[in-house]
Structure formats: C-alpha cells, structure tokens
C-alpha cells in the first residue's frame, strides 16, 4: 500500500474527502517526523512508538574493495510496534 492508497482507505473509513484525508495524513506524518527529529518519542497506544536512536561508530568494509573503513556514529529513526499491532499481524495461538 502506498500513500495514495492509504489516503483512499482513510477517506473511506472516516467518511471524508480524499483531499481532507490527504491533508490530515500529511500533517500527522510531518508532526511525527518533526518530533522524532527533535529527539522526542511519539507513542500511539496500540499502534506503536517512533523515536530516534543513537547508532555507535563501527568498523565496516567497502564491498567493492574489501578495505576496512570507519562508519561514523549517527542518529537513526526507529519504530517499535505496539501489542495491538503485533497481535493483528501475528495472532497468538491459543494453547490447549
């Protein structure tokens, strides 16, 4: 599913126009990206959490030449799925 298909689905479920759904979805995604880039954690209960994580400097290899190289430390965005989301994707089997 791409953004256009998501906008269509949101518009249908919320009974709003596609233009309104696109504006709301774009604003929500922008707000999440802004908050995470500023170091805040965004938690949507049942869905998941967005946050930035520190990645340590490490040694890597150039795939072409095989030479060792230093990969610098950096911050990366991360998403952790919430319990409700995980259960939807992989329902727990009832033990009998």
N, C-alpha and C. Protein backbone atom coordinates (compact mmCIF):
# COMPACT_ATOMS: atom_id res chain seq x y z
N UNK A 1 0.85 -1.17 0.00
CA UNK A 1 0.00 0.00 0.00
C UNK A 1 0.89 1.24 0.00
N UNK A 2 0.63 2.14 -0.92
CA UNK A 2 1.39 3.40 -0.95
C UNK A 2 0.55 4.51 -0.31
N UNK A 3 1.09 5.72 -0.28
CA UNK A 3 0.40 6.83 0.40
C UNK A 3 -0.96 7.11 -0.24
N UNK A 4 -1.03 7.08 -1.55
CA UNK A 4 -2.31 7.34 -2.24
C UNK A 4 -3.37 6.33 -1.84
N UNK A 5 -2.99 5.07 -1.77
CA UNK A 5 -3.94 4.02 -1.38
C UNK A 5 -4.35 4.18 0.09
N UNK A 6 -3.40 4.60 0.93
CA UNK A 6 -3.70 4.84 2.34
C UNK A 6 -4.67 6.01 2.48
N UNK A 7 -4.47 7.06 1.71
CA UNK A 7 -5.37 8.22 1.73
C UNK A 7 -6.77 7.76 1.33
N UNK A 8 -6.88 6.94 0.28
CA UNK A 8 -8.19 6.42 -0.15
C UNK A 8 -8.86 5.64 0.97
N UNK A 9 -8.11 4.77 1.64
CA UNK A 9 -8.66 3.95 2.72
C UNK A 9 -9.11 4.81 3.89
N UNK A 10 -8.31 5.80 4.26
CA UNK A 10 -8.66 6.70 5.38
C UNK A 10 -9.91 7.50 5.03
N UNK A 11 -9.97 8.01 3.81
CA UNK A 11 -11.13 8.80 3.37
C UNK A 11 -12.41 7.97 3.46
N UNK A 12 -12.31 6.71 3.05
CA UNK A 12 -13.47 5.83 3.08
C UNK A 12 -13.89 5.50 4.51
N UNK A 13 -12.93 5.14 5.37
CA UNK A 13 -13.24 4.78 6.76
C UNK A 13 -13.75 5.97 7.57
N UNK A 14 -13.21 7.15 7.33
CA UNK A 14 -13.58 8.34 8.10
C UNK A 14 -14.71 9.14 7.44
N UNK A 15 -15.18 8.68 6.31
CA UNK A 15 -16.20 9.36 5.50
C UNK A 15 -15.89 10.86 5.34
N UNK A 16 -14.69 11.10 4.84
CA UNK A 16 -14.26 12.46 4.49
C UNK A 16 -13.76 12.42 3.05
N UNK A 17 -13.49 13.59 2.48
CA UNK A 17 -12.99 13.62 1.11
C UNK A 17 -11.53 13.16 1.08
N UNK A 18 -11.09 12.75 -0.09
CA UNK A 18 -9.70 12.33 -0.25
C UNK A 18 -8.76 13.50 0.03
N UNK A 19 -9.17 14.69 -0.34
CA UNK A 19 -8.34 15.88 -0.12
C UNK A 19 -8.17 16.13 1.38
N UNK A 20 -9.26 15.99 2.14
CA UNK A 20 -9.19 16.17 3.60
C UNK A 20 -8.33 15.08 4.24
N UNK A 21 -8.52 13.84 3.80
CA UNK A 21 -7.75 12.73 4.35
C UNK A 21 -6.26 12.91 4.05
N UNK A 22 -5.94 13.37 2.85
CA UNK A 22 -4.53 13.60 2.48
C UNK A 22 -3.93 14.70 3.36
N UNK A 23 -4.68 15.77 3.60
CA UNK A 23 -4.18 16.88 4.42
C UNK A 23 -3.92 16.41 5.85
N UNK A 24 -4.83 15.65 6.41
CA UNK A 24 -4.67 15.16 7.79
C UNK A 24 -3.52 14.17 7.88
N UNK A 25 -3.44 13.23 6.94
CA UNK A 25 -2.36 12.23 6.96
C UNK A 25 -1.01 12.91 6.79
N UNK A 26 -0.90 13.85 5.86
CA UNK A 26 0.36 14.56 5.65
C UNK A 26 0.77 15.34 6.89
N UNK A 27 -0.21 16.01 7.53
CA UNK A 27 0.08 16.78 8.74
C UNK A 27 0.53 15.86 9.88
N UNK A 28 -0.11 14.71 10.02
CA UNK A 28 0.25 13.76 11.08
C UNK A 28 1.66 13.23 10.86
N UNK A 29 1.99 12.85 9.63
CA UNK A 29 3.32 12.33 9.34
C UNK A 29 4.39 13.40 9.55
N UNK A 30 4.10 14.63 9.16
CA UNK A 30 5.04 15.74 9.35
C UNK A 30 5.27 16.00 10.83
N UNK A 31 4.20 15.97 11.63
CA UNK A 31 4.32 16.19 13.07
C UNK A 31 5.16 15.09 13.72
N UNK A 32 4.97 13.85 13.30
CA UNK A 32 5.76 12.73 13.83
C UNK A 32 7.23 12.91 13.47
N UNK A 33 7.52 13.24 12.21
CA UNK A 33 8.91 13.42 11.78
C UNK A 33 9.58 14.57 12.52
N UNK A 34 8.86 15.67 12.72
CA UNK A 34 9.42 16.82 13.45
C UNK A 34 9.76 16.44 14.89
N UNK A 35 8.82 15.77 15.56
CA UNK A 35 9.03 15.40 16.96
C UNK A 35 10.21 14.46 17.11
N UNK A 36 10.29 13.44 16.26
CA UNK A 36 11.38 12.46 16.35
C UNK A 36 12.71 13.10 16.01
N UNK A 37 12.73 14.01 15.04
CA UNK A 37 13.99 14.66 14.68
C UNK A 37 14.48 15.58 15.79
N UNK A 38 13.58 16.05 16.64
CA UNK A 38 13.95 16.88 17.79
C UNK A 38 14.30 16.05 19.02
N UNK A 39 14.25 14.72 18.89
CA UNK A 39 14.62 13.84 20.00
C UNK A 39 13.46 13.37 20.85
N UNK A 40 12.23 13.76 20.50
CA UNK A 40 11.06 13.31 21.25
C UNK A 40 10.63 11.93 20.81
N UNK A 41 9.91 11.23 21.69
CA UNK A 41 9.35 9.92 21.37
C UNK A 41 7.85 10.13 21.13
N UNK A 42 7.33 9.57 20.06
CA UNK A 42 5.91 9.67 19.74
C UNK A 42 5.29 8.30 19.94
N UNK A 43 4.33 8.21 20.88
CA UNK A 43 3.69 6.94 21.19
C UNK A 43 2.23 7.00 20.81
N UNK A 44 1.81 6.08 19.97
CA UNK A 44 0.40 5.93 19.59
C UNK A 44 -0.05 4.61 20.19
N UNK A 45 -0.78 4.67 21.30
CA UNK A 45 -1.16 3.48 22.06
C UNK A 45 -1.85 2.47 21.15
N UNK A 46 -1.38 1.24 21.21
CA UNK A 46 -1.94 0.16 20.40
C UNK A 46 -1.27 0.03 19.04
N UNK A 47 -0.75 1.15 18.52
CA UNK A 47 -0.10 1.12 17.20
C UNK A 47 1.40 0.94 17.34
N UNK A 48 2.05 1.86 18.08
CA UNK A 48 3.49 1.74 18.26
C UNK A 48 4.13 3.05 18.64
N UNK A 49 5.47 3.04 18.69
CA UNK A 49 6.24 4.21 19.09
C UNK A 49 7.30 4.54 18.04
N UNK A 50 7.46 5.82 17.81
CA UNK A 50 8.51 6.32 16.92
C UNK A 50 9.51 7.05 17.80
N UNK A 51 10.81 6.83 17.59
CA UNK A 51 11.84 7.52 18.34
C UNK A 51 13.13 7.55 17.54
N UNK A 52 14.08 8.36 18.01
CA UNK A 52 15.39 8.34 17.36
C UNK A 52 16.33 7.56 18.27
N UNK A 53 17.23 6.82 17.66
CA UNK A 53 18.20 6.02 18.41
C UNK A 53 19.60 6.36 17.95
N UNK A 54 20.52 6.28 18.89
CA UNK A 54 21.93 6.51 18.58
C UNK A 54 22.54 5.23 18.05
N UNK A 55 23.23 5.33 16.95
CA UNK A 55 23.96 4.18 16.41
C UNK A 55 25.44 4.46 16.61
N UNK A 56 26.15 3.56 17.28
CA UNK A 56 27.56 3.76 17.59
C UNK A 56 28.42 3.69 16.34
N UNK A 57 29.60 4.31 16.43
CA UNK A 57 30.57 4.20 15.34
C UNK A 57 31.03 2.74 15.27
N UNK A 58 31.30 2.27 14.08
CA UNK A 58 31.73 0.87 13.94
C UNK A 58 32.64 0.73 12.72
N UNK A 59 33.28 -0.39 12.66
CA UNK A 59 34.16 -0.67 11.54
C UNK A 59 33.38 -1.49 10.51
N UNK A 60 33.48 -1.08 9.26
CA UNK A 60 32.82 -1.80 8.18
C UNK A 60 33.81 -2.10 7.08
N UNK A 61 33.30 -2.68 6.00
CA UNK A 61 34.15 -3.00 4.86
C UNK A 61 33.53 -2.44 3.59
N UNK A 62 34.40 -1.93 2.72
CA UNK A 62 33.95 -1.48 1.40
C UNK A 62 33.63 -2.75 0.61
N UNK A 63 32.38 -2.91 0.17
CA UNK A 63 32.01 -4.15 -0.53
C UNK A 63 32.76 -4.37 -1.85
N UNK A 64 33.20 -3.28 -2.48
CA UNK A 64 33.92 -3.41 -3.75
C UNK A 64 35.36 -3.89 -3.55
N UNK A 65 36.04 -3.22 -2.61
CA UNK A 65 37.48 -3.49 -2.45
C UNK A 65 37.80 -4.38 -1.27
N UNK A 66 36.87 -4.48 -0.30
CA UNK A 66 37.14 -5.27 0.90
C UNK A 66 37.96 -4.51 1.93
N UNK A 67 38.32 -3.24 1.64
CA UNK A 67 39.10 -2.43 2.58
C UNK A 67 38.25 -2.09 3.80
N UNK A 68 38.93 -2.07 4.96
CA UNK A 68 38.24 -1.68 6.20
C UNK A 68 38.02 -0.18 6.17
N UNK A 69 36.87 0.25 6.76
CA UNK A 69 36.58 1.68 6.85
C UNK A 69 35.80 1.94 8.13
N UNK A 70 35.93 3.15 8.64
CA UNK A 70 35.23 3.54 9.86
C UNK A 70 33.87 4.13 9.48
N UNK A 71 32.79 3.60 10.05
CA UNK A 71 31.46 4.13 9.83
C UNK A 71 31.15 5.00 11.05
N UNK A 72 30.89 6.30 10.86
CA UNK A 72 30.70 7.21 11.99
C UNK A 72 29.39 6.95 12.75
N UNK A 73 29.36 7.41 14.01
CA UNK A 73 28.14 7.33 14.81
C UNK A 73 27.08 8.23 14.19
N UNK A 74 25.83 7.87 14.35
CA UNK A 74 24.74 8.65 13.78
C UNK A 74 23.45 8.40 14.56
N UNK A 75 22.45 9.25 14.32
CA UNK A 75 21.11 9.04 14.88
C UNK A 75 20.22 8.51 13.76
N UNK A 76 19.40 7.51 14.09
CA UNK A 76 18.50 6.93 13.10
C UNK A 76 17.08 6.87 13.66
N UNK A 77 16.07 6.99 12.80
CA UNK A 77 14.70 6.84 13.28
C UNK A 77 14.40 5.36 13.53
N UNK A 78 13.54 5.08 14.52
CA UNK A 78 13.19 3.70 14.83
C UNK A 78 11.70 3.62 15.15
N UNK A 79 11.10 2.49 14.83
CA UNK A 79 9.69 2.24 15.13
C UNK A 79 9.58 0.93 15.88
N UNK A 80 8.81 0.94 16.96
CA UNK A 80 8.52 -0.28 17.71
C UNK A 80 7.01 -0.48 17.67
N UNK A 81 6.57 -1.61 17.15
CA UNK A 81 5.14 -1.89 17.05
C UNK A 81 4.55 -2.13 18.43
N UNK A 82 3.32 -1.66 18.64
CA UNK A 82 2.61 -1.88 19.89
C UNK A 82 1.99 -3.26 19.93
N UNK A 83 1.53 -3.67 21.10
CA UNK A 83 0.98 -5.00 21.29
C UNK A 83 -0.22 -5.27 20.38
N UNK A 84 -1.14 -4.31 20.28
CA UNK A 84 -2.32 -4.49 19.44
C UNK A 84 -1.93 -4.71 17.98
N UNK A 85 -0.96 -3.94 17.49
CA UNK A 85 -0.47 -4.06 16.11
C UNK A 85 0.18 -5.44 15.91
N UNK A 86 1.03 -5.84 16.85
CA UNK A 86 1.70 -7.14 16.75
C UNK A 86 0.68 -8.27 16.73
N UNK A 87 -0.34 -8.17 17.58
CA UNK A 87 -1.37 -9.22 17.64
C UNK A 87 -2.19 -9.28 16.36
N UNK A 88 -2.39 -8.13 15.69
CA UNK A 88 -3.11 -8.12 14.42
C UNK A 88 -2.30 -8.81 13.32
N UNK A 89 -1.00 -8.57 13.33
CA UNK A 89 -0.13 -9.13 12.29
C UNK A 89 0.09 -10.62 12.51
N UNK A 90 0.36 -11.00 13.76
CA UNK A 90 0.62 -12.41 14.09
C UNK A 90 -0.22 -12.79 15.31
N UNK A 91 -1.49 -13.18 15.08
CA UNK A 91 -2.36 -13.52 16.20
C UNK A 91 -1.76 -14.67 17.04
N UNK A 92 -1.86 -14.50 18.36
CA UNK A 92 -1.35 -15.55 19.26
C UNK A 92 -2.25 -16.77 19.16
N UNK A 93 -1.62 -17.94 19.12
CA UNK A 93 -2.39 -19.19 19.05
C UNK A 93 -2.76 -19.59 20.47
N UNK A 94 -4.01 -19.95 20.66
CA UNK A 94 -4.47 -20.37 21.99
C UNK A 94 -3.90 -21.74 22.32
N UNK A 95 -3.22 -21.82 23.45
CA UNK A 95 -2.66 -23.11 23.89
C UNK A 95 -3.77 -23.92 24.56
N UNK A 96 -3.90 -25.16 24.14
CA UNK A 96 -4.95 -26.02 24.72
C UNK A 96 -4.34 -27.11 25.54
